[in-house]
Amino acid sequence: MTPREIRAALILRGVKQRDVAQELGVSEAIVSQVISRKRTSERIERAIARAIGRPVHEVFPKEVA
């Protein structure tokens, strides 16, 4: 999913980036960076995927070189 699609899916579920951040004890900026793929965190990726009800590999596919 693209960052825009992830953000839209969160909105449709009524979940804010702030909600994910608070649940994990991290800053909202870090959650935003993970969504934008400027930072990686399997823990945060799993939480975002869970929040939108999709498997993590669909939300954050790993690129194969």
N, C-alpha and C. Protein backbone atom coordinates (compact mmCIF):
# COMPACT_ATOMS: atom_id res chain seq x y z
N MET A 1 0.85 -1.18 0.00
CA MET A 1 0.00 0.00 0.00
C MET A 1 0.89 1.24 0.00
N THR A 2 0.41 2.27 -0.64
CA THR A 2 1.14 3.53 -0.63
C THR A 2 0.87 4.24 0.70
N PRO A 3 1.73 5.19 1.06
CA PRO A 3 1.47 5.96 2.28
C PRO A 3 0.07 6.60 2.28
N ARG A 4 -0.34 7.11 1.13
CA ARG A 4 -1.67 7.74 1.02
C ARG A 4 -2.78 6.71 1.29
N GLU A 5 -2.62 5.51 0.75
CA GLU A 5 -3.61 4.44 0.97
C GLU A 5 -3.65 4.02 2.43
N ILE A 6 -2.49 3.96 3.07
CA ILE A 6 -2.44 3.59 4.49
C ILE A 6 -3.17 4.64 5.32
N ARG A 7 -2.87 5.90 5.06
CA ARG A 7 -3.53 6.98 5.82
C ARG A 7 -5.04 6.96 5.61
N ALA A 8 -5.47 6.72 4.36
CA ALA A 8 -6.91 6.67 4.07
C ALA A 8 -7.56 5.49 4.79
N ALA A 9 -6.89 4.36 4.81
CA ALA A 9 -7.43 3.18 5.49
C ALA A 9 -7.57 3.43 6.99
N LEU A 10 -6.59 4.11 7.57
CA LEU A 10 -6.68 4.45 9.00
C LEU A 10 -7.89 5.35 9.24
N ILE A 11 -8.07 6.36 8.40
CA ILE A 11 -9.20 7.28 8.55
C ILE A 11 -10.52 6.52 8.45
N LEU A 12 -10.63 5.63 7.46
CA LEU A 12 -11.86 4.85 7.30
C LEU A 12 -12.18 4.00 8.52
N ARG A 13 -11.14 3.57 9.22
CA ARG A 13 -11.32 2.77 10.44
C ARG A 13 -11.48 3.65 11.69
N GLY A 14 -11.38 4.96 11.50
CA GLY A 14 -11.52 5.87 12.64
C GLY A 14 -10.30 5.87 13.55
N VAL A 15 -9.15 5.53 12.99
CA VAL A 15 -7.91 5.46 13.77
C VAL A 15 -7.00 6.59 13.31
N LYS A 16 -6.43 7.30 14.27
CA LYS A 16 -5.48 8.37 13.97
C LYS A 16 -4.06 7.86 14.21
N GLN A 17 -3.12 8.47 13.53
CA GLN A 17 -1.72 8.11 13.76
C GLN A 17 -1.38 8.29 15.23
N ARG A 18 -1.96 9.30 15.84
CA ARG A 18 -1.74 9.56 17.26
C ARG A 18 -2.18 8.37 18.11
N ASP A 19 -3.29 7.73 17.72
CA ASP A 19 -3.78 6.56 18.47
C ASP A 19 -2.77 5.42 18.43
N VAL A 20 -2.22 5.17 17.25
CA VAL A 20 -1.22 4.11 17.10
C VAL A 20 0.02 4.46 17.93
N ALA A 21 0.44 5.71 17.85
CA ALA A 21 1.62 6.16 18.59
C ALA A 21 1.43 5.99 20.10
N GLN A 22 0.28 6.40 20.60
CA GLN A 22 0.02 6.28 22.04
C GLN A 22 -0.02 4.83 22.48
N GLU A 23 -0.62 3.97 21.66
CA GLU A 23 -0.69 2.55 21.99
C GLU A 23 0.70 1.94 22.14
N LEU A 24 1.64 2.42 21.32
CA LEU A 24 2.99 1.85 21.31
C LEU A 24 3.98 2.64 22.16
N GLY A 25 3.59 3.80 22.64
CA GLY A 25 4.50 4.61 23.44
C GLY A 25 5.59 5.26 22.61
N VAL A 26 5.24 5.63 21.37
CA VAL A 26 6.19 6.32 20.49
C VAL A 26 5.56 7.64 20.04
N SER A 27 6.35 8.45 19.37
CA SER A 27 5.81 9.72 18.90
C SER A 27 5.00 9.53 17.62
N GLU A 28 4.08 10.45 17.41
CA GLU A 28 3.29 10.45 16.19
C GLU A 28 4.20 10.63 14.97
N ALA A 29 5.28 11.39 15.14
CA ALA A 29 6.22 11.61 14.03
C ALA A 29 6.86 10.30 13.58
N ILE A 30 7.18 9.44 14.53
CA ILE A 30 7.79 8.15 14.17
C ILE A 30 6.79 7.30 13.39
N VAL A 31 5.54 7.28 13.83
CA VAL A 31 4.50 6.53 13.10
C VAL A 31 4.38 7.07 11.68
N SER A 32 4.38 8.37 11.53
CA SER A 32 4.30 9.00 10.21
C SER A 32 5.49 8.61 9.34
N GLN A 33 6.68 8.57 9.94
CA GLN A 33 7.88 8.19 9.19
C GLN A 33 7.82 6.74 8.72
N VAL A 34 7.25 5.87 9.54
CA VAL A 34 7.10 4.47 9.13
C VAL A 34 6.10 4.37 7.98
N ILE A 35 4.99 5.08 8.10
CA ILE A 35 3.99 5.06 7.02
C ILE A 35 4.61 5.58 5.72
N SER A 36 5.44 6.61 5.81
CA SER A 36 6.08 7.20 4.63
C SER A 36 7.30 6.42 4.17
N ARG A 37 7.64 5.38 4.91
CA ARG A 37 8.80 4.52 4.61
C ARG A 37 10.13 5.26 4.71
N LYS A 38 10.17 6.28 5.56
CA LYS A 38 11.42 6.98 5.83
C LYS A 38 12.14 6.32 7.00
N ARG A 39 11.44 5.42 7.68
CA ARG A 39 11.97 4.70 8.83
C ARG A 39 11.31 3.33 8.83
N THR A 40 11.99 2.33 9.36
CA THR A 40 11.39 1.00 9.45
C THR A 40 11.28 0.57 10.91
N SER A 41 10.22 -0.12 11.20
CA SER A 41 10.00 -0.69 12.52
C SER A 41 8.94 -1.78 12.37
N GLU A 42 9.36 -3.02 12.52
CA GLU A 42 8.40 -4.12 12.39
C GLU A 42 7.27 -3.99 13.40
N ARG A 43 7.59 -3.55 14.60
CA ARG A 43 6.58 -3.40 15.65
C ARG A 43 5.50 -2.39 15.24
N ILE A 44 5.93 -1.24 14.72
CA ILE A 44 4.99 -0.20 14.31
C ILE A 44 4.24 -0.64 13.05
N GLU A 45 4.94 -1.29 12.13
CA GLU A 45 4.27 -1.79 10.92
C GLU A 45 3.16 -2.77 11.29
N ARG A 46 3.43 -3.68 12.24
CA ARG A 46 2.41 -4.64 12.67
C ARG A 46 1.21 -3.93 13.29
N ALA A 47 1.47 -2.91 14.10
CA ALA A 47 0.38 -2.17 14.75
C ALA A 47 -0.48 -1.43 13.73
N ILE A 48 0.15 -0.85 12.73
CA ILE A 48 -0.60 -0.14 11.69
C ILE A 48 -1.45 -1.13 10.90
N ALA A 49 -0.85 -2.24 10.51
CA ALA A 49 -1.58 -3.26 9.75
C ALA A 49 -2.76 -3.79 10.56
N ARG A 50 -2.54 -4.04 11.83
CA ARG A 50 -3.62 -4.52 12.71
C ARG A 50 -4.73 -3.47 12.78
N ALA A 51 -4.36 -2.20 12.87
CA ALA A 51 -5.36 -1.12 12.99
C ALA A 51 -6.25 -1.02 11.75
N ILE A 52 -5.70 -1.38 10.59
CA ILE A 52 -6.52 -1.30 9.38
C ILE A 52 -7.03 -2.67 8.93
N GLY A 53 -6.73 -3.69 9.70
CA GLY A 53 -7.28 -5.01 9.42
C GLY A 53 -6.72 -5.70 8.19
N ARG A 54 -5.45 -5.46 7.92
CA ARG A 54 -4.80 -6.07 6.75
C ARG A 54 -3.52 -6.77 7.21
N PRO A 55 -3.10 -7.81 6.50
CA PRO A 55 -1.83 -8.45 6.82
C PRO A 55 -0.67 -7.48 6.60
N VAL A 56 0.31 -7.56 7.47
CA VAL A 56 1.44 -6.63 7.40
C VAL A 56 2.15 -6.72 6.05
N HIS A 57 2.23 -7.90 5.45
CA HIS A 57 2.93 -8.03 4.16
C HIS A 57 2.17 -7.34 3.02
N GLU A 58 0.87 -7.09 3.20
CA GLU A 58 0.11 -6.33 2.19
C GLU A 58 0.29 -4.83 2.39
N VAL A 59 0.38 -4.43 3.63
CA VAL A 59 0.50 -3.00 3.94
C VAL A 59 1.93 -2.51 3.69
N PHE A 60 2.90 -3.31 4.12
CA PHE A 60 4.31 -2.96 3.98
C PHE A 60 5.06 -4.08 3.27
N PRO A 61 4.83 -4.23 1.97
CA PRO A 61 5.53 -5.30 1.25
C PRO A 61 7.04 -5.04 1.24
N LYS A 62 7.78 -6.09 1.43
CA LYS A 62 9.24 -5.97 1.41
C LYS A 62 9.70 -6.07 -0.04
N GLU A 63 10.53 -5.13 -0.43
CA GLU A 63 11.02 -5.12 -1.81
C GLU A 63 12.07 -6.20 -1.97
N VAL A 64 12.01 -6.87 -3.10
CA VAL A 64 13.00 -7.90 -3.42
C VAL A 64 13.89 -7.36 -4.52
N ALA A 65 15.18 -7.40 -4.28
CA ALA A 65 16.13 -6.86 -5.27
C ALA A 65 16.45 -7.87 -6.34
